[in-house]
Amino acid sequence: MANTKSALKRIRTTAKRRLRNRTVKSTVRAAVRKFNDLTTAPALRTAMSALDKAVSKGVLHRNTAARKKSRLAQKLNKLTVNQ
């Protein structure tokens, strides 16, 4: 267990951040999963928005979000070209 006041505070703040980050990541995963099920332009927009919000909150790195957005867009384009 932590011995100092600052270490105890650190434990409290990391617990809060972990909960906040988990919520944001869960929202992103749900949006991506919904896009994969539907594969429509509105679902893509929602997923991209969730990824952008995660980046702005510091939960995801911007390059990670860019890579995921690119792959989602590629998937949608591939399906729309084949139809």
PDB file of N, CA and C in Angstrom:
ATOM      1  N   MET A   1       0.848  -1.191   0.000  1.00  0.00           N
ATOM      2  CA  MET A   1       0.000   0.000   0.000  1.00  0.00           C
ATOM      3  C   MET A   1       0.886   1.245   0.000  1.00  0.00           C
ATOM      4  N   ALA A   2       0.314   2.325  -0.503  1.00  0.00           N
ATOM      5  CA  ALA A   2       1.066   3.579  -0.604  1.00  0.00           C
ATOM      6  C   ALA A   2       1.325   4.169   0.780  1.00  0.00           C
ATOM      7  N   ASN A   3       2.469   4.811   0.910  1.00  0.00           N
ATOM      8  CA  ASN A   3       2.859   5.379   2.201  1.00  0.00           C
ATOM      9  C   ASN A   3       2.670   6.883   2.276  1.00  0.00           C
ATOM     10  N   THR A   4       2.820   7.579   1.166  1.00  0.00           N
ATOM     11  CA  THR A   4       2.798   9.040   1.208  1.00  0.00           C
ATOM     12  C   THR A   4       1.446   9.582   0.770  1.00  0.00           C
ATOM     13  N   LYS A   5       1.213  10.837   1.127  1.00  0.00           N
ATOM     14  CA  LYS A   5      -0.032  11.492   0.735  1.00  0.00           C
ATOM     15  C   LYS A   5      -0.157  11.579  -0.773  1.00  0.00           C
ATOM     16  N   SER A   6       0.952  11.919  -1.426  1.00  0.00           N
ATOM     17  CA  SER A   6       0.916  12.082  -2.882  1.00  0.00           C
ATOM     18  C   SER A   6       0.641  10.749  -3.570  1.00  0.00           C
ATOM     19  N   ALA A   7       1.162   9.663  -3.029  1.00  0.00           N
ATOM     20  CA  ALA A   7       0.918   8.347  -3.623  1.00  0.00           C
ATOM     21  C   ALA A   7      -0.546   7.947  -3.452  1.00  0.00           C
ATOM     22  N   LEU A   8      -1.114   8.265  -2.303  1.00  0.00           N
ATOM     23  CA  LEU A   8      -2.540   7.972  -2.079  1.00  0.00           C
ATOM     24  C   LEU A   8      -3.410   8.769  -3.038  1.00  0.00           C
ATOM     25  N   LYS A   9      -3.059  10.036  -3.234  1.00  0.00           N
ATOM     26  CA  LYS A   9      -3.815  10.870  -4.159  1.00  0.00           C
ATOM     27  C   LYS A   9      -3.686  10.325  -5.581  1.00  0.00           C
ATOM     28  N   ARG A  10      -2.476   9.865  -5.927  1.00  0.00           N
ATOM     29  CA  ARG A  10      -2.227   9.320  -7.253  1.00  0.00           C
ATOM     30  C   ARG A  10      -3.114   8.104  -7.511  1.00  0.00           C
ATOM     31  N   ILE A  11      -3.269   7.269  -6.483  1.00  0.00           N
ATOM     32  CA  ILE A  11      -4.124   6.087  -6.606  1.00  0.00           C
ATOM     33  C   ILE A  11      -5.562   6.509  -6.893  1.00  0.00           C
ATOM     34  N   ARG A  12      -6.026   7.542  -6.167  1.00  0.00           N
ATOM     35  CA  ARG A  12      -7.405   8.022  -6.380  1.00  0.00           C
ATOM     36  C   ARG A  12      -7.586   8.595  -7.783  1.00  0.00           C
ATOM     37  N   THR A  13      -6.633   9.407  -8.233  1.00  0.00           N
ATOM     38  CA  THR A  13      -6.786  10.040  -9.548  1.00  0.00           C
ATOM     39  C   THR A  13      -6.679   9.016 -10.671  1.00  0.00           C
ATOM     40  N   THR A  14      -5.790   8.046 -10.535  1.00  0.00           N
ATOM     41  CA  THR A  14      -5.678   7.044 -11.598  1.00  0.00           C
ATOM     42  C   THR A  14      -6.934   6.184 -11.657  1.00  0.00           C
ATOM     43  N   ALA A  15      -7.553   5.938 -10.514  1.00  0.00           N
ATOM     44  CA  ALA A  15      -8.802   5.166 -10.512  1.00  0.00           C
ATOM     45  C   ALA A  15      -9.895   5.929 -11.260  1.00  0.00           C
ATOM     46  N   LYS A  16      -9.991   7.244 -11.019  1.00  0.00           N
ATOM     47  CA  LYS A  16     -10.982   8.071 -11.727  1.00  0.00           C
ATOM     48  C   LYS A  16     -10.716   8.079 -13.225  1.00  0.00           C
ATOM     49  N   ARG A  17      -9.450   8.256 -13.574  1.00  0.00           N
ATOM     50  CA  ARG A  17      -9.091   8.316 -14.993  1.00  0.00           C
ATOM     51  C   ARG A  17      -9.363   6.991 -15.683  1.00  0.00           C
ATOM     52  N   ARG A  18      -9.053   5.895 -14.997  1.00  0.00           N
ATOM     53  CA  ARG A  18      -9.259   4.569 -15.565  1.00  0.00           C
ATOM     54  C   ARG A  18     -10.736   4.354 -15.889  1.00  0.00           C
ATOM     55  N   LEU A  19     -11.620   4.758 -14.974  1.00  0.00           N
ATOM     56  CA  LEU A  19     -13.059   4.631 -15.217  1.00  0.00           C
ATOM     57  C   LEU A  19     -13.494   5.485 -16.401  1.00  0.00           C
ATOM     58  N   ARG A  20     -12.982   6.717 -16.455  1.00  0.00           N
ATOM     59  CA  ARG A  20     -13.342   7.623 -17.544  1.00  0.00           C
ATOM     60  C   ARG A  20     -12.844   7.076 -18.886  1.00  0.00           C
ATOM     61  N   ASN A  21     -11.603   6.607 -18.897  1.00  0.00           N
ATOM     62  CA  ASN A  21     -11.035   6.072 -20.128  1.00  0.00           C
ATOM     63  C   ASN A  21     -11.770   4.815 -20.573  1.00  0.00           C
ATOM     64  N   ARG A  22     -12.153   3.977 -19.620  1.00  0.00           N
ATOM     65  CA  ARG A  22     -12.865   2.754 -19.958  1.00  0.00           C
ATOM     66  C   ARG A  22     -14.205   3.071 -20.623  1.00  0.00           C
ATOM     67  N   THR A  23     -14.885   4.095 -20.121  1.00  0.00           N
ATOM     68  CA  THR A  23     -16.167   4.506 -20.705  1.00  0.00           C
ATOM     69  C   THR A  23     -15.982   4.968 -22.141  1.00  0.00           C
ATOM     70  N   VAL A  24     -14.968   5.777 -22.376  1.00  0.00           N
ATOM     71  CA  VAL A  24     -14.728   6.297 -23.724  1.00  0.00           C
ATOM     72  C   VAL A  24     -14.360   5.169 -24.671  1.00  0.00           C
ATOM     73  N   LYS A  25     -13.477   4.263 -24.234  1.00  0.00           N
ATOM     74  CA  LYS A  25     -13.070   3.141 -25.082  1.00  0.00           C
ATOM     75  C   LYS A  25     -14.251   2.236 -25.398  1.00  0.00           C
ATOM     76  N   SER A  26     -15.109   2.044 -24.421  1.00  0.00           N
ATOM     77  CA  SER A  26     -16.294   1.214 -24.630  1.00  0.00           C
ATOM     78  C   SER A  26     -17.212   1.837 -25.674  1.00  0.00           C
ATOM     79  N   THR A  27     -17.366   3.147 -25.616  1.00  0.00           N
ATOM     80  CA  THR A  27     -18.191   3.856 -26.595  1.00  0.00           C
ATOM     81  C   THR A  27     -17.616   3.703 -27.997  1.00  0.00           C
ATOM     82  N   VAL A  28     -16.307   3.809 -28.104  1.00  0.00           N
ATOM     83  CA  VAL A  28     -15.643   3.652 -29.404  1.00  0.00           C
ATOM     84  C   VAL A  28     -15.863   2.243 -29.935  1.00  0.00           C
ATOM     85  N   ARG A  29     -15.640   1.248 -29.084  1.00  0.00           N
ATOM     86  CA  ARG A  29     -15.804  -0.139 -29.526  1.00  0.00           C
ATOM     87  C   ARG A  29     -17.232  -0.415 -29.961  1.00  0.00           C
ATOM     88  N   ALA A  30     -18.207   0.118 -29.228  1.00  0.00           N
ATOM     89  CA  ALA A  30     -19.611  -0.083 -29.580  1.00  0.00           C
ATOM     90  C   ALA A  30     -19.926   0.554 -30.928  1.00  0.00           C
ATOM     91  N   ALA A  31     -19.408   1.748 -31.170  1.00  0.00           N
ATOM     92  CA  ALA A  31     -19.665   2.435 -32.436  1.00  0.00           C
ATOM     93  C   ALA A  31     -19.035   1.679 -33.605  1.00  0.00           C
ATOM     94  N   VAL A  32     -17.824   1.176 -33.399  1.00  0.00           N
ATOM     95  CA  VAL A  32     -17.142   0.418 -34.461  1.00  0.00           C
ATOM     96  C   VAL A  32     -17.879  -0.889 -34.726  1.00  0.00           C
ATOM     97  N   ARG A  33     -18.316  -1.545 -33.652  1.00  0.00           N
ATOM     98  CA  ARG A  33     -19.056  -2.797 -33.803  1.00  0.00           C
ATOM     99  C   ARG A  33     -20.366  -2.559 -34.563  1.00  0.00           C
ATOM    100  N   LYS A  34     -21.034  -1.472 -34.239  1.00  0.00           N
ATOM    101  CA  LYS A  34     -22.291  -1.143 -34.924  1.00  0.00           C
ATOM    102  C   LYS A  34     -22.031  -0.881 -36.408  1.00  0.00           C
ATOM    103  N   PHE A  35     -20.923  -0.192 -36.709  1.00  0.00           N
ATOM    104  CA  PHE A  35     -20.571   0.038 -38.111  1.00  0.00           C
ATOM    105  C   PHE A  35     -20.318  -1.281 -38.819  1.00  0.00           C
ATOM    106  N   ASN A  36     -19.588  -2.189 -38.174  1.00  0.00           N
ATOM    107  CA  ASN A  36     -19.299  -3.478 -38.790  1.00  0.00           C
ATOM    108  C   ASN A  36     -20.566  -4.284 -39.057  1.00  0.00           C
ATOM    109  N   ASP A  37     -21.572  -4.120 -38.206  1.00  0.00           N
ATOM    110  CA  ASP A  37     -22.845  -4.818 -38.413  1.00  0.00           C
ATOM    111  C   ASP A  37     -23.638  -4.194 -39.549  1.00  0.00           C
ATOM    112  N   LEU A  38     -23.689  -2.867 -39.577  1.00  0.00           N
ATOM    113  CA  LEU A  38     -24.536  -2.166 -40.552  1.00  0.00           C
ATOM    114  C   LEU A  38     -23.789  -1.835 -41.837  1.00  0.00           C
ATOM    115  N   THR A  39     -22.580  -1.369 -41.710  1.00  0.00           N
ATOM    116  CA  THR A  39     -21.735  -0.907 -42.817  1.00  0.00           C
ATOM    117  C   THR A  39     -22.470   0.111 -43.686  1.00  0.00           C
ATOM    118  N   THR A  40     -22.891   1.201 -43.040  1.00  0.00           N
ATOM    119  CA  THR A  40     -23.550   2.295 -43.746  1.00  0.00           C
ATOM    120  C   THR A  40     -22.795   3.589 -43.470  1.00  0.00           C
ATOM    121  N   ALA A  41     -23.076   4.588 -44.303  1.00  0.00           N
ATOM    122  CA  ALA A  41     -22.394   5.880 -44.143  1.00  0.00           C
ATOM    123  C   ALA A  41     -22.720   6.553 -42.803  1.00  0.00           C
ATOM    124  N   PRO A  42     -23.985   6.553 -42.350  1.00  0.00           N
ATOM    125  CA  PRO A  42     -24.248   7.177 -41.041  1.00  0.00           C
ATOM    126  C   PRO A  42     -23.527   6.467 -39.887  1.00  0.00           C
ATOM    127  N   ALA A  43     -23.450   5.143 -39.969  1.00  0.00           N
ATOM    128  CA  ALA A  43     -22.747   4.405 -38.920  1.00  0.00           C
ATOM    129  C   ALA A  43     -21.258   4.728 -38.958  1.00  0.00           C
ATOM    130  N   LEU A  44     -20.715   4.928 -40.152  1.00  0.00           N
ATOM    131  CA  LEU A  44     -19.304   5.316 -40.286  1.00  0.00           C
ATOM    132  C   LEU A  44     -19.078   6.684 -39.657  1.00  0.00           C
ATOM    133  N   ARG A  45     -19.973   7.610 -39.915  1.00  0.00           N
ATOM    134  CA  ARG A  45     -19.857   8.954 -39.356  1.00  0.00           C
ATOM    135  C   ARG A  45     -19.866   8.900 -37.826  1.00  0.00           C
ATOM    136  N   THR A  46     -20.753   8.085 -37.263  1.00  0.00           N
ATOM    137  CA  THR A  46     -20.832   7.943 -35.812  1.00  0.00           C
ATOM    138  C   THR A  46     -19.551   7.355 -35.244  1.00  0.00           C
ATOM    139  N   ALA A  47     -19.024   6.315 -35.913  1.00  0.00           N
ATOM    140  CA  ALA A  47     -17.795   5.679 -35.445  1.00  0.00           C
ATOM    141  C   ALA A  47     -16.616   6.652 -35.518  1.00  0.00           C
ATOM    142  N   MET A  48     -16.526   7.401 -36.602  1.00  0.00           N
ATOM    143  CA  MET A  48     -15.438   8.369 -36.741  1.00  0.00           C
ATOM    144  C   MET A  48     -15.538   9.458 -35.688  1.00  0.00           C
ATOM    145  N   SER A  49     -16.754   9.878 -35.401  1.00  0.00           N
ATOM    146  CA  SER A  49     -16.958  10.893 -34.379  1.00  0.00           C
ATOM    147  C   SER A  49     -16.511  10.371 -33.009  1.00  0.00           C
ATOM    148  N   ALA A  50     -16.860   9.122 -32.711  1.00  0.00           N
ATOM    149  CA  ALA A  50     -16.454   8.529 -31.425  1.00  0.00           C
ATOM    150  C   ALA A  50     -14.936   8.435 -31.333  1.00  0.00           C
ATOM    151  N   LEU A  51     -14.283   8.079 -32.433  1.00  0.00           N
ATOM    152  CA  LEU A  51     -12.820   8.004 -32.441  1.00  0.00           C
ATOM    153  C   LEU A  51     -12.207   9.383 -32.231  1.00  0.00           C
ATOM    154  N   ASP A  52     -12.761  10.402 -32.894  1.00  0.00           N
ATOM    155  CA  ASP A  52     -12.242  11.766 -32.733  1.00  0.00           C
ATOM    156  C   ASP A  52     -12.399  12.258 -31.295  1.00  0.00           C
ATOM    157  N   LYS A  53     -13.528  11.929 -30.668  1.00  0.00           N
ATOM    158  CA  LYS A  53     -13.746  12.339 -29.285  1.00  0.00           C
ATOM    159  C   LYS A  53     -12.749  11.657 -28.356  1.00  0.00           C
ATOM    160  N   ALA A  54     -12.462  10.390 -28.636  1.00  0.00           N
ATOM    161  CA  ALA A  54     -11.490   9.670 -27.808  1.00  0.00           C
ATOM    162  C   ALA A  54     -10.111  10.304 -27.922  1.00  0.00           C
ATOM    163  N   VAL A  55      -9.768  10.769 -29.127  1.00  0.00           N
ATOM    164  CA  VAL A  55      -8.479  11.440 -29.316  1.00  0.00           C
ATOM    165  C   VAL A  55      -8.461  12.755 -28.556  1.00  0.00           C
ATOM    166  N   SER A  56      -9.536  13.518 -28.635  1.00  0.00           N
ATOM    167  CA  SER A  56      -9.565  14.822 -27.967  1.00  0.00           C
ATOM    168  C   SER A  56      -9.500  14.678 -26.449  1.00  0.00           C
ATOM    169  N   LYS A  57      -9.982  13.562 -25.932  1.00  0.00           N
ATOM    170  CA  LYS A  57      -9.920  13.332 -24.489  1.00  0.00           C
ATOM    171  C   LYS A  57      -8.614  12.683 -24.056  1.00  0.00           C
ATOM    172  N   GLY A  58      -7.767  12.342 -25.030  1.00  0.00           N
ATOM    173  CA  GLY A  58      -6.472  11.772 -24.703  1.00  0.00           C
ATOM    174  C   GLY A  58      -6.498  10.283 -24.431  1.00  0.00           C
ATOM    175  N   VAL A  59      -7.589   9.615 -24.785  1.00  0.00           N
ATOM    176  CA  VAL A  59      -7.698   8.180 -24.536  1.00  0.00           C
ATOM    177  C   VAL A  59      -6.983   7.392 -25.625  1.00  0.00           C
ATOM    178  N   LEU A  60      -7.093   7.841 -26.865  1.00  0.00           N
ATOM    179  CA  LEU A  60      -6.420   7.194 -27.987  1.00  0.00           C
ATOM    180  C   LEU A  60      -5.404   8.152 -28.595  1.00  0.00           C
ATOM    181  N   HIS A  61      -4.361   7.588 -29.136  1.00  0.00           N
ATOM    182  CA  HIS A  61      -3.380   8.386 -29.874  1.00  0.00           C
ATOM    183  C   HIS A  61      -3.986   8.758 -31.219  1.00  0.00           C
ATOM    184  N   ARG A  62      -3.650   9.916 -31.719  1.00  0.00           N
ATOM    185  CA  ARG A  62      -4.272  10.388 -32.962  1.00  0.00           C
ATOM    186  C   ARG A  62      -3.964   9.483 -34.147  1.00  0.00           C
ATOM    187  N   ASN A  63      -2.765   8.901 -34.184  1.00  0.00           N
ATOM    188  CA  ASN A  63      -2.430   8.007 -35.296  1.00  0.00           C
ATOM    189  C   ASN A  63      -3.216   6.701 -35.218  1.00  0.00           C
ATOM    190  N   THR A  64      -3.474   6.234 -34.023  1.00  0.00           N
ATOM    191  CA  THR A  64      -4.281   5.028 -33.844  1.00  0.00           C
ATOM    192  C   THR A  64      -5.691   5.267 -34.369  1.00  0.00           C
ATOM    193  N   ALA A  65      -6.256   6.407 -34.012  1.00  0.00           N
ATOM    194  CA  ALA A  65      -7.602   6.736 -34.474  1.00  0.00           C
ATOM    195  C   ALA A  65      -7.619   6.923 -35.988  1.00  0.00           C
ATOM    196  N   ALA A  66      -6.595   7.561 -36.532  1.00  0.00           N
ATOM    197  CA  ALA A  66      -6.526   7.767 -37.979  1.00  0.00           C
ATOM    198  C   ALA A  66      -6.462   6.430 -38.705  1.00  0.00           C
ATOM    199  N   ARG A  67      -5.685   5.505 -38.161  1.00  0.00           N
ATOM    200  CA  ARG A  67      -5.576   4.176 -38.780  1.00  0.00           C
ATOM    201  C   ARG A  67      -6.917   3.452 -38.753  1.00  0.00           C
ATOM    202  N   LYS A  68      -7.602   3.514 -37.621  1.00  0.00           N
ATOM    203  CA  LYS A  68      -8.896   2.846 -37.499  1.00  0.00           C
ATOM    204  C   LYS A  68      -9.927   3.480 -38.433  1.00  0.00           C
ATOM    205  N   LYS A  69      -9.927   4.817 -38.506  1.00  0.00           N
ATOM    206  CA  LYS A  69     -10.864   5.515 -39.398  1.00  0.00           C
ATOM    207  C   LYS A  69     -10.597   5.153 -40.849  1.00  0.00           C
ATOM    208  N   SER A  70      -9.340   5.065 -41.217  1.00  0.00           N
ATOM    209  CA  SER A  70      -8.968   4.719 -42.580  1.00  0.00           C
ATOM    210  C   SER A  70      -9.469   3.323 -42.933  1.00  0.00           C
ATOM    211  N   ARG A  71      -9.294   2.386 -42.021  1.00  0.00           N
ATOM    212  CA  ARG A  71      -9.723   1.012 -42.279  1.00  0.00           C
ATOM    213  C   ARG A  71     -11.237   0.907 -42.377  1.00  0.00           C
ATOM    214  N   LEU A  72     -11.940   1.675 -41.558  1.00  0.00           N
ATOM    215  CA  LEU A  72     -13.402   1.663 -41.633  1.00  0.00           C
ATOM    216  C   LEU A  72     -13.870   2.238 -42.971  1.00  0.00           C
ATOM    217  N   ALA A  73     -13.246   3.327 -43.390  1.00  0.00           N
ATOM    218  CA  ALA A  73     -13.614   3.953 -44.668  1.00  0.00           C
ATOM    219  C   ALA A  73     -13.315   3.012 -45.834  1.00  0.00           C
ATOM    220  N   GLN A  74     -12.181   2.321 -45.760  1.00  0.00           N
ATOM    221  CA  GLN A  74     -11.830   1.359 -46.810  1.00  0.00           C
ATOM    222  C   GLN A  74     -12.876   0.259 -46.897  1.00  0.00           C
ATOM    223  N   LYS A  75     -13.325  -0.199 -45.749  1.00  0.00           N
ATOM    224  CA  LYS A  75     -14.330  -1.268 -45.730  1.00  0.00           C
ATOM    225  C   LYS A  75     -15.625  -0.800 -46.378  1.00  0.00           C
ATOM    226  N   LEU A  76     -16.059   0.422 -46.050  1.00  0.00           N
ATOM    227  CA  LEU A  76     -17.282   0.956 -46.644  1.00  0.00           C
ATOM    228  C   LEU A  76     -17.109   1.148 -48.141  1.00  0.00           C
ATOM    229  N   ASN A  77     -15.972   1.709 -48.569  1.00  0.00           N
ATOM    230  CA  ASN A  77     -15.739   1.934 -49.995  1.00  0.00           C
ATOM    231  C   ASN A  77     -15.691   0.621 -50.769  1.00  0.00           C
ATOM    232  N   LYS A  78     -15.103  -0.387 -50.190  1.00  0.00           N
ATOM    233  CA  LYS A  78     -15.003  -1.680 -50.844  1.00  0.00           C
ATOM    234  C   LYS A  78     -16.389  -2.281 -51.084  1.00  0.00           C
ATOM    235  N   LEU A  79     -17.270  -2.120 -50.099  1.00  0.00           N
ATOM    236  CA  LEU A  79     -18.618  -2.656 -50.248  1.00  0.00           C
ATOM    237  C   LEU A  79     -19.470  -1.856 -51.223  1.00  0.00           C
ATOM    238  N   THR A  80     -19.288  -0.525 -51.230  1.00  0.00           N
ATOM    239  CA  THR A  80     -20.105   0.300 -52.126  1.00  0.00           C
ATOM    240  C   THR A  80     -19.652   0.158 -53.578  1.00  0.00           C
ATOM    241  N   VAL A  81     -18.378  -0.107 -53.810  1.00  0.00           N
ATOM    242  CA  VAL A  81     -17.872  -0.288 -55.171  1.00  0.00           C
ATOM    243  C   VAL A  81     -18.402  -1.603 -55.759  1.00  0.00           C
ATOM    244  N   ASN A  82     -18.488  -2.629 -54.914  1.00  0.00           N
ATOM    245  CA  ASN A  82     -18.935  -3.940 -55.396  1.00  0.00           C
ATOM    246  C   ASN A  82     -20.423  -3.981 -55.685  1.00  0.00           C
ATOM    247  N   GLN A  83     -21.195  -3.045 -55.164  1.00  0.00           N
ATOM    248  CA  GLN A  83     -22.643  -3.080 -55.376  1.00  0.00           C
ATOM    249  C   GLN A  83     -23.049  -2.424 -56.663  1.00  0.00           C
TER     250      GLN A  83
END
